[in-house]
Structure formats: structure tokens, C-alpha cells
Amino acid sequence: MSDNISINYFGSPNILNHPLYLKWSQLDLASIQAALASIQSDLGAIEANMHNLEIIAYLSTVVRACGLIT
């Protein structure tokens, strides 16, 4: 039996003080979409470990959400 870990961010108070959460959570999706290269650069610079899983999931979800707007 395998554990399922969602690739979508469903929310957790654990990242509320993370610098990248604070940076991107203050903007609407249209503003983030205009700065998509910057958020993708921030995402790419995060170390891929369990400690950073929540911020990776949050930023990934925001990037995917930007793809839903025109």
C-alpha cells in the first residue's frame, strides 16, 4: 500500500512565515502571472527535500493556477 501525497497545496499554517510565501501571497494571480518567470525561478532554487515540501507544493499550485487564467 502506498501513501498518496497530493501535488496540490491544500493549506497548512506551517509556511505562513516562509519568506517565499510572504513574497507571493500578497499578490493576485494576474500579478503573479505577469511575473511568472520570477516565481518559477524562486521555485527552481528551493532545495528538493521534505523540509521544503509545503512551500514547493504551494508555489507549484500557484503556478498551475496562473495557467487557468487568461
PDB file of N, CA and C in Angstrom:
ATOM      1  N   MET A   1       0.844  -1.177   0.000  1.00  0.00           N
ATOM      2  CA  MET A   1       0.000   0.000   0.000  1.00  0.00           C
ATOM      3  C   MET A   1       0.887   1.238   0.000  1.00  0.00           C
ATOM      4  N   SER A   2       0.607   2.154  -0.910  1.00  0.00           N
ATOM      5  CA  SER A   2       1.432   3.355  -0.988  1.00  0.00           C
ATOM      6  C   SER A   2       0.707   4.549  -0.382  1.00  0.00           C
ATOM      7  N   ASP A   3       1.481   5.466   0.155  1.00  0.00           N
ATOM      8  CA  ASP A   3       0.911   6.707   0.672  1.00  0.00           C
ATOM      9  C   ASP A   3       0.748   7.676  -0.482  1.00  0.00           C
ATOM     10  N   ASN A   4      -0.386   8.345  -0.538  1.00  0.00           N
ATOM     11  CA  ASN A   4      -0.610   9.334  -1.580  1.00  0.00           C
ATOM     12  C   ASN A   4      -0.304  10.717  -1.038  1.00  0.00           C
ATOM     13  N   ILE A   5       0.547  11.416  -1.731  1.00  0.00           N
ATOM     14  CA  ILE A   5       0.867  12.793  -1.383  1.00  0.00           C
ATOM     15  C   ILE A   5       0.396  13.655  -2.536  1.00  0.00           C
ATOM     16  N   SER A   6      -0.504  14.572  -2.269  1.00  0.00           N
ATOM     17  CA  SER A   6      -1.062  15.415  -3.301  1.00  0.00           C
ATOM     18  C   SER A   6      -0.019  16.381  -3.840  1.00  0.00           C
ATOM     19  N   ILE A   7      -0.085  16.648  -5.140  1.00  0.00           N
ATOM     20  CA  ILE A   7       0.788  17.674  -5.714  1.00  0.00           C
ATOM     21  C   ILE A   7       0.133  19.046  -5.625  1.00  0.00           C
ATOM     22  N   ASN A   8      -1.078  19.102  -5.109  1.00  0.00           N
ATOM     23  CA  ASN A   8      -1.777  20.370  -4.932  1.00  0.00           C
ATOM     24  C   ASN A   8      -1.658  20.813  -3.480  1.00  0.00           C
ATOM     25  N   TYR A   9      -1.538  22.090  -3.297  1.00  0.00           N
ATOM     26  CA  TYR A   9      -1.399  22.633  -1.955  1.00  0.00           C
ATOM     27  C   TYR A   9      -2.778  22.874  -1.372  1.00  0.00           C
ATOM     28  N   PHE A  10      -3.073  22.255  -0.242  1.00  0.00           N
ATOM     29  CA  PHE A  10      -4.372  22.402   0.393  1.00  0.00           C
ATOM     30  C   PHE A  10      -4.332  23.297   1.622  1.00  0.00           C
ATOM     31  N   GLY A  11      -3.206  23.818   1.939  1.00  0.00           N
ATOM     32  CA  GLY A  11      -3.108  24.763   3.031  1.00  0.00           C
ATOM     33  C   GLY A  11      -2.558  24.161   4.311  1.00  0.00           C
ATOM     34  N   SER A  12      -1.695  24.884   4.926  1.00  0.00           N
ATOM     35  CA  SER A  12      -1.113  24.493   6.193  1.00  0.00           C
ATOM     36  C   SER A  12      -0.506  25.739   6.835  1.00  0.00           C
ATOM     37  N   PRO A  13      -0.686  25.907   8.118  1.00  0.00           N
ATOM     38  CA  PRO A  13      -0.097  27.075   8.770  1.00  0.00           C
ATOM     39  C   PRO A  13       1.427  26.996   8.890  1.00  0.00           C
ATOM     40  N   ASN A  14       2.008  25.882   8.512  1.00  0.00           N
ATOM     41  CA  ASN A  14       3.457  25.701   8.659  1.00  0.00           C
ATOM     42  C   ASN A  14       4.282  26.631   7.787  1.00  0.00           C
ATOM     43  N   ILE A  15       3.707  27.175   6.712  1.00  0.00           N
ATOM     44  CA  ILE A  15       4.517  28.013   5.823  1.00  0.00           C
ATOM     45  C   ILE A  15       4.198  29.502   5.935  1.00  0.00           C
ATOM     46  N   LEU A  16       3.329  29.875   6.847  1.00  0.00           N
ATOM     47  CA  LEU A  16       2.871  31.266   6.910  1.00  0.00           C
ATOM     48  C   LEU A  16       3.992  32.275   7.117  1.00  0.00           C
ATOM     49  N   ASN A  17       5.106  31.864   7.662  1.00  0.00           N
ATOM     50  CA  ASN A  17       6.232  32.771   7.872  1.00  0.00           C
ATOM     51  C   ASN A  17       7.381  32.526   6.904  1.00  0.00           C
ATOM     52  N   HIS A  18       7.185  31.611   5.953  1.00  0.00           N
ATOM     53  CA  HIS A  18       8.236  31.337   4.975  1.00  0.00           C
ATOM     54  C   HIS A  18       8.399  32.562   4.076  1.00  0.00           C
ATOM     55  N   PRO A  19       9.633  32.997   3.820  1.00  0.00           N
ATOM     56  CA  PRO A  19       9.858  34.198   3.002  1.00  0.00           C
ATOM     57  C   PRO A  19       9.206  34.141   1.616  1.00  0.00           C
ATOM     58  N   LEU A  20       9.206  32.971   0.981  1.00  0.00           N
ATOM     59  CA  LEU A  20       8.594  32.880  -0.347  1.00  0.00           C
ATOM     60  C   LEU A  20       7.073  32.927  -0.267  1.00  0.00           C
ATOM     61  N   TYR A  21       6.510  32.385   0.784  1.00  0.00           N
ATOM     62  CA  TYR A  21       5.064  32.511   0.975  1.00  0.00           C
ATOM     63  C   TYR A  21       4.706  33.979   1.178  1.00  0.00           C
ATOM     64  N   LEU A  22       5.443  34.662   2.032  1.00  0.00           N
ATOM     65  CA  LEU A  22       5.182  36.071   2.286  1.00  0.00           C
ATOM     66  C   LEU A  22       5.343  36.908   1.022  1.00  0.00           C
ATOM     67  N   LYS A  23       6.307  36.560   0.198  1.00  0.00           N
ATOM     68  CA  LYS A  23       6.561  37.287  -1.051  1.00  0.00           C
ATOM     69  C   LYS A  23       5.405  37.148  -2.031  1.00  0.00           C
ATOM     70  N   TRP A  24       4.932  35.931  -2.245  1.00  0.00           N
ATOM     71  CA  TRP A  24       3.952  35.680  -3.303  1.00  0.00           C
ATOM     72  C   TRP A  24       2.501  35.725  -2.828  1.00  0.00           C
ATOM     73  N   SER A  25       2.237  35.547  -1.561  1.00  0.00           N
ATOM     74  CA  SER A  25       0.854  35.502  -1.082  1.00  0.00           C
ATOM     75  C   SER A  25       0.194  36.877  -1.043  1.00  0.00           C
ATOM     76  N   GLN A  26       0.961  37.914  -1.212  1.00  0.00           N
ATOM     77  CA  GLN A  26       0.413  39.271  -1.172  1.00  0.00           C
ATOM     78  C   GLN A  26      -0.088  39.748  -2.535  1.00  0.00           C
ATOM     79  N   LEU A  27       0.093  38.934  -3.570  1.00  0.00           N
ATOM     80  CA  LEU A  27      -0.261  39.319  -4.936  1.00  0.00           C
ATOM     81  C   LEU A  27      -1.460  38.535  -5.448  1.00  0.00           C
ATOM     82  N   ASP A  28      -2.207  39.123  -6.373  1.00  0.00           N
ATOM     83  CA  ASP A  28      -3.273  38.373  -7.024  1.00  0.00           C
ATOM     84  C   ASP A  28      -2.673  37.544  -8.162  1.00  0.00           C
ATOM     85  N   LEU A  29      -3.457  36.597  -8.672  1.00  0.00           N
ATOM     86  CA  LEU A  29      -2.939  35.675  -9.691  1.00  0.00           C
ATOM     87  C   LEU A  29      -2.522  36.386 -10.971  1.00  0.00           C
ATOM     88  N   ALA A  30      -3.223  37.448 -11.345  1.00  0.00           N
ATOM     89  CA  ALA A  30      -2.845  38.185 -12.556  1.00  0.00           C
ATOM     90  C   ALA A  30      -1.461  38.804 -12.400  1.00  0.00           C
ATOM     91  N   SER A  31      -1.174  39.338 -11.230  1.00  0.00           N
ATOM     92  CA  SER A  31       0.154  39.923 -10.978  1.00  0.00           C
ATOM     93  C   SER A  31       1.231  38.846 -10.962  1.00  0.00           C
ATOM     94  N   ILE A  32       0.901  37.705 -10.374  1.00  0.00           N
ATOM     95  CA  ILE A  32       1.857  36.601 -10.346  1.00  0.00           C
ATOM     96  C   ILE A  32       2.101  36.081 -11.756  1.00  0.00           C
ATOM     97  N   GLN A  33       1.030  35.987 -12.556  1.00  0.00           N
ATOM     98  CA  GLN A  33       1.188  35.517 -13.930  1.00  0.00           C
ATOM     99  C   GLN A  33       2.117  36.446 -14.714  1.00  0.00           C
ATOM    100  N   ALA A  34       2.026  37.746 -14.465  1.00  0.00           N
ATOM    101  CA  ALA A  34       2.905  38.707 -15.135  1.00  0.00           C
ATOM    102  C   ALA A  34       4.362  38.522 -14.711  1.00  0.00           C
ATOM    103  N   ALA A  35       4.573  37.945 -13.531  1.00  0.00           N
ATOM    104  CA  ALA A  35       5.920  37.711 -13.007  1.00  0.00           C
ATOM    105  C   ALA A  35       6.230  36.216 -12.971  1.00  0.00           C
ATOM    106  N   LEU A  36       5.635  35.463 -13.881  1.00  0.00           N
ATOM    107  CA  LEU A  36       5.746  34.002 -13.862  1.00  0.00           C
ATOM    108  C   LEU A  36       7.191  33.517 -13.871  1.00  0.00           C
ATOM    109  N   ALA A  37       8.036  34.144 -14.654  1.00  0.00           N
ATOM    110  CA  ALA A  37       9.445  33.724 -14.706  1.00  0.00           C
ATOM    111  C   ALA A  37      10.108  33.869 -13.341  1.00  0.00           C
ATOM    112  N   SER A  38       9.726  34.879 -12.596  1.00  0.00           N
ATOM    113  CA  SER A  38      10.320  35.111 -11.276  1.00  0.00           C
ATOM    114  C   SER A  38       9.883  34.053 -10.264  1.00  0.00           C
ATOM    115  N   ILE A  39       8.593  33.720 -10.249  1.00  0.00           N
ATOM    116  CA  ILE A  39       8.131  32.694  -9.308  1.00  0.00           C
ATOM    117  C   ILE A  39       8.708  31.330  -9.688  1.00  0.00           C
ATOM    118  N   GLN A  40       8.830  31.068 -10.987  1.00  0.00           N
ATOM    119  CA  GLN A  40       9.435  29.809 -11.424  1.00  0.00           C
ATOM    120  C   GLN A  40      10.915  29.753 -11.038  1.00  0.00           C
ATOM    121  N   SER A  41      11.582  30.879 -11.094  1.00  0.00           N
ATOM    122  CA  SER A  41      12.983  30.936 -10.668  1.00  0.00           C
ATOM    123  C   SER A  41      13.103  30.675  -9.167  1.00  0.00           C
ATOM    124  N   ASP A  42      12.219  31.285  -8.379  1.00  0.00           N
ATOM    125  CA  ASP A  42      12.211  31.039  -6.932  1.00  0.00           C
ATOM    126  C   ASP A  42      11.939  29.568  -6.649  1.00  0.00           C
ATOM    127  N   LEU A  43      10.985  28.992  -7.354  1.00  0.00           N
ATOM    128  CA  LEU A  43      10.646  27.582  -7.165  1.00  0.00           C
ATOM    129  C   LEU A  43      11.829  26.686  -7.511  1.00  0.00           C
ATOM    130  N   GLY A  44      12.504  27.002  -8.588  1.00  0.00           N
ATOM    131  CA  GLY A  44      13.646  26.195  -9.020  1.00  0.00           C
ATOM    132  C   GLY A  44      14.838  26.253  -8.084  1.00  0.00           C
ATOM    133  N   ALA A  45      14.905  27.279  -7.273  1.00  0.00           N
ATOM    134  CA  ALA A  45      16.047  27.444  -6.365  1.00  0.00           C
ATOM    135  C   ALA A  45      15.842  26.768  -5.007  1.00  0.00           C
ATOM    136  N   ILE A  46      14.656  26.212  -4.772  1.00  0.00           N
ATOM    137  CA  ILE A  46      14.368  25.569  -3.487  1.00  0.00           C
ATOM    138  C   ILE A  46      14.995  24.178  -3.459  1.00  0.00           C
ATOM    139  N   GLU A  47      15.656  23.852  -2.365  1.00  0.00           N
ATOM    140  CA  GLU A  47      16.198  22.504  -2.210  1.00  0.00           C
ATOM    141  C   GLU A  47      15.052  21.504  -2.142  1.00  0.00           C
ATOM    142  N   ALA A  48      15.182  20.438  -2.908  1.00  0.00           N
ATOM    143  CA  ALA A  48      14.118  19.438  -3.011  1.00  0.00           C
ATOM    144  C   ALA A  48      14.233  18.424  -1.871  1.00  0.00           C
ATOM    145  N   ASN A  49      13.746  18.831  -0.698  1.00  0.00           N
ATOM    146  CA  ASN A  49      13.766  17.923   0.448  1.00  0.00           C
ATOM    147  C   ASN A  49      12.438  18.031   1.199  1.00  0.00           C
ATOM    148  N   MET A  50      12.219  17.121   2.124  1.00  0.00           N
ATOM    149  CA  MET A  50      10.952  17.066   2.861  1.00  0.00           C
ATOM    150  C   MET A  50      10.685  18.346   3.659  1.00  0.00           C
ATOM    151  N   HIS A  51      11.739  18.994   4.118  1.00  0.00           N
ATOM    152  CA  HIS A  51      11.575  20.225   4.883  1.00  0.00           C
ATOM    153  C   HIS A  51      10.896  21.304   4.035  1.00  0.00           C
ATOM    154  N   ASN A  52      11.135  21.293   2.737  1.00  0.00           N
ATOM    155  CA  ASN A  52      10.606  22.319   1.846  1.00  0.00           C
ATOM    156  C   ASN A  52       9.387  21.878   1.053  1.00  0.00           C
ATOM    157  N   LEU A  53       8.863  20.699   1.342  1.00  0.00           N
ATOM    158  CA  LEU A  53       7.767  20.148   0.552  1.00  0.00           C
ATOM    159  C   LEU A  53       6.548  21.070   0.511  1.00  0.00           C
ATOM    160  N   GLU A  54       6.188  21.677   1.626  1.00  0.00           N
ATOM    161  CA  GLU A  54       4.987  22.515   1.641  1.00  0.00           C
ATOM    162  C   GLU A  54       5.146  23.776   0.799  1.00  0.00           C
ATOM    163  N   ILE A  55       6.302  24.437   0.851  1.00  0.00           N
ATOM    164  CA  ILE A  55       6.470  25.645   0.037  1.00  0.00           C
ATOM    165  C   ILE A  55       6.558  25.272  -1.443  1.00  0.00           C
ATOM    166  N   ILE A  56       7.156  24.122  -1.746  1.00  0.00           N
ATOM    167  CA  ILE A  56       7.191  23.654  -3.137  1.00  0.00           C
ATOM    168  C   ILE A  56       5.767  23.394  -3.628  1.00  0.00           C
ATOM    169  N   ALA A  57       4.965  22.734  -2.823  1.00  0.00           N
ATOM    170  CA  ALA A  57       3.575  22.449  -3.205  1.00  0.00           C
ATOM    171  C   ALA A  57       2.778  23.744  -3.358  1.00  0.00           C
ATOM    172  N   TYR A  58       2.965  24.682  -2.458  1.00  0.00           N
ATOM    173  CA  TYR A  58       2.247  25.959  -2.543  1.00  0.00           C
ATOM    174  C   TYR A  58       2.602  26.698  -3.830  1.00  0.00           C
ATOM    175  N   LEU A  59       3.893  26.892  -4.076  1.00  0.00           N
ATOM    176  CA  LEU A  59       4.307  27.634  -5.267  1.00  0.00           C
ATOM    177  C   LEU A  59       3.909  26.912  -6.541  1.00  0.00           C
ATOM    178  N   SER A  60       4.005  25.594  -6.552  1.00  0.00           N
ATOM    179  CA  SER A  60       3.603  24.816  -7.723  1.00  0.00           C
ATOM    180  C   SER A  60       2.116  24.988  -8.006  1.00  0.00           C
ATOM    181  N   THR A  61       1.310  24.992  -6.972  1.00  0.00           N
ATOM    182  CA  THR A  61      -0.124  25.187  -7.137  1.00  0.00           C
ATOM    183  C   THR A  61      -0.422  26.585  -7.665  1.00  0.00           C
ATOM    184  N   VAL A  62       0.283  27.584  -7.171  1.00  0.00           N
ATOM    185  CA  VAL A  62       0.086  28.949  -7.653  1.00  0.00           C
ATOM    186  C   VAL A  62       0.462  29.046  -9.133  1.00  0.00           C
ATOM    187  N   VAL A  63       1.577  28.424  -9.522  1.00  0.00           N
ATOM    188  CA  VAL A  63       1.987  28.439 -10.935  1.00  0.00           C
ATOM    189  C   VAL A  63       0.918  27.772 -11.802  1.00  0.00           C
ATOM    190  N   ARG A  64       0.405  26.627 -11.359  1.00  0.00           N
ATOM    191  CA  ARG A  64      -0.648  25.937 -12.126  1.00  0.00           C
ATOM    192  C   ARG A  64      -1.914  26.795 -12.188  1.00  0.00           C
ATOM    193  N   ALA A  65      -2.261  27.470 -11.108  1.00  0.00           N
ATOM    194  CA  ALA A  65      -3.444  28.319 -11.102  1.00  0.00           C
ATOM    195  C   ALA A  65      -3.296  29.475 -12.093  1.00  0.00           C
ATOM    196  N   CYS A  66      -2.092  29.986 -12.244  1.00  0.00           N
ATOM    197  CA  CYS A  66      -1.852  31.048 -13.230  1.00  0.00           C
ATOM    198  C   CYS A  66      -2.144  30.565 -14.644  1.00  0.00           C
ATOM    199  N   GLY A  67      -1.959  29.284 -14.896  1.00  0.00           N
ATOM    200  CA  GLY A  67      -2.259  28.728 -16.206  1.00  0.00           C
ATOM    201  C   GLY A  67      -3.750  28.652 -16.484  1.00  0.00           C
ATOM    202  N   LEU A  68      -4.586  28.838 -15.474  1.00  0.00           N
ATOM    203  CA  LEU A  68      -6.036  28.771 -15.646  1.00  0.00           C
ATOM    204  C   LEU A  68      -6.665  30.107 -16.002  1.00  0.00           C
ATOM    205  N   ILE A  69      -5.882  31.174 -15.882  1.00  0.00           N
ATOM    206  CA  ILE A  69      -6.419  32.493 -16.201  1.00  0.00           C
ATOM    207  C   ILE A  69      -5.839  32.996 -17.522  1.00  0.00           C
ATOM    208  N   THR A  70      -6.572  33.887 -18.162  1.00  0.00           N
ATOM    209  CA  THR A  70      -6.105  34.406 -19.453  1.00  0.00           C
ATOM    210  C   THR A  70      -5.610  35.808 -19.332  1.00  0.00           C
TER     211      THR A  70
END
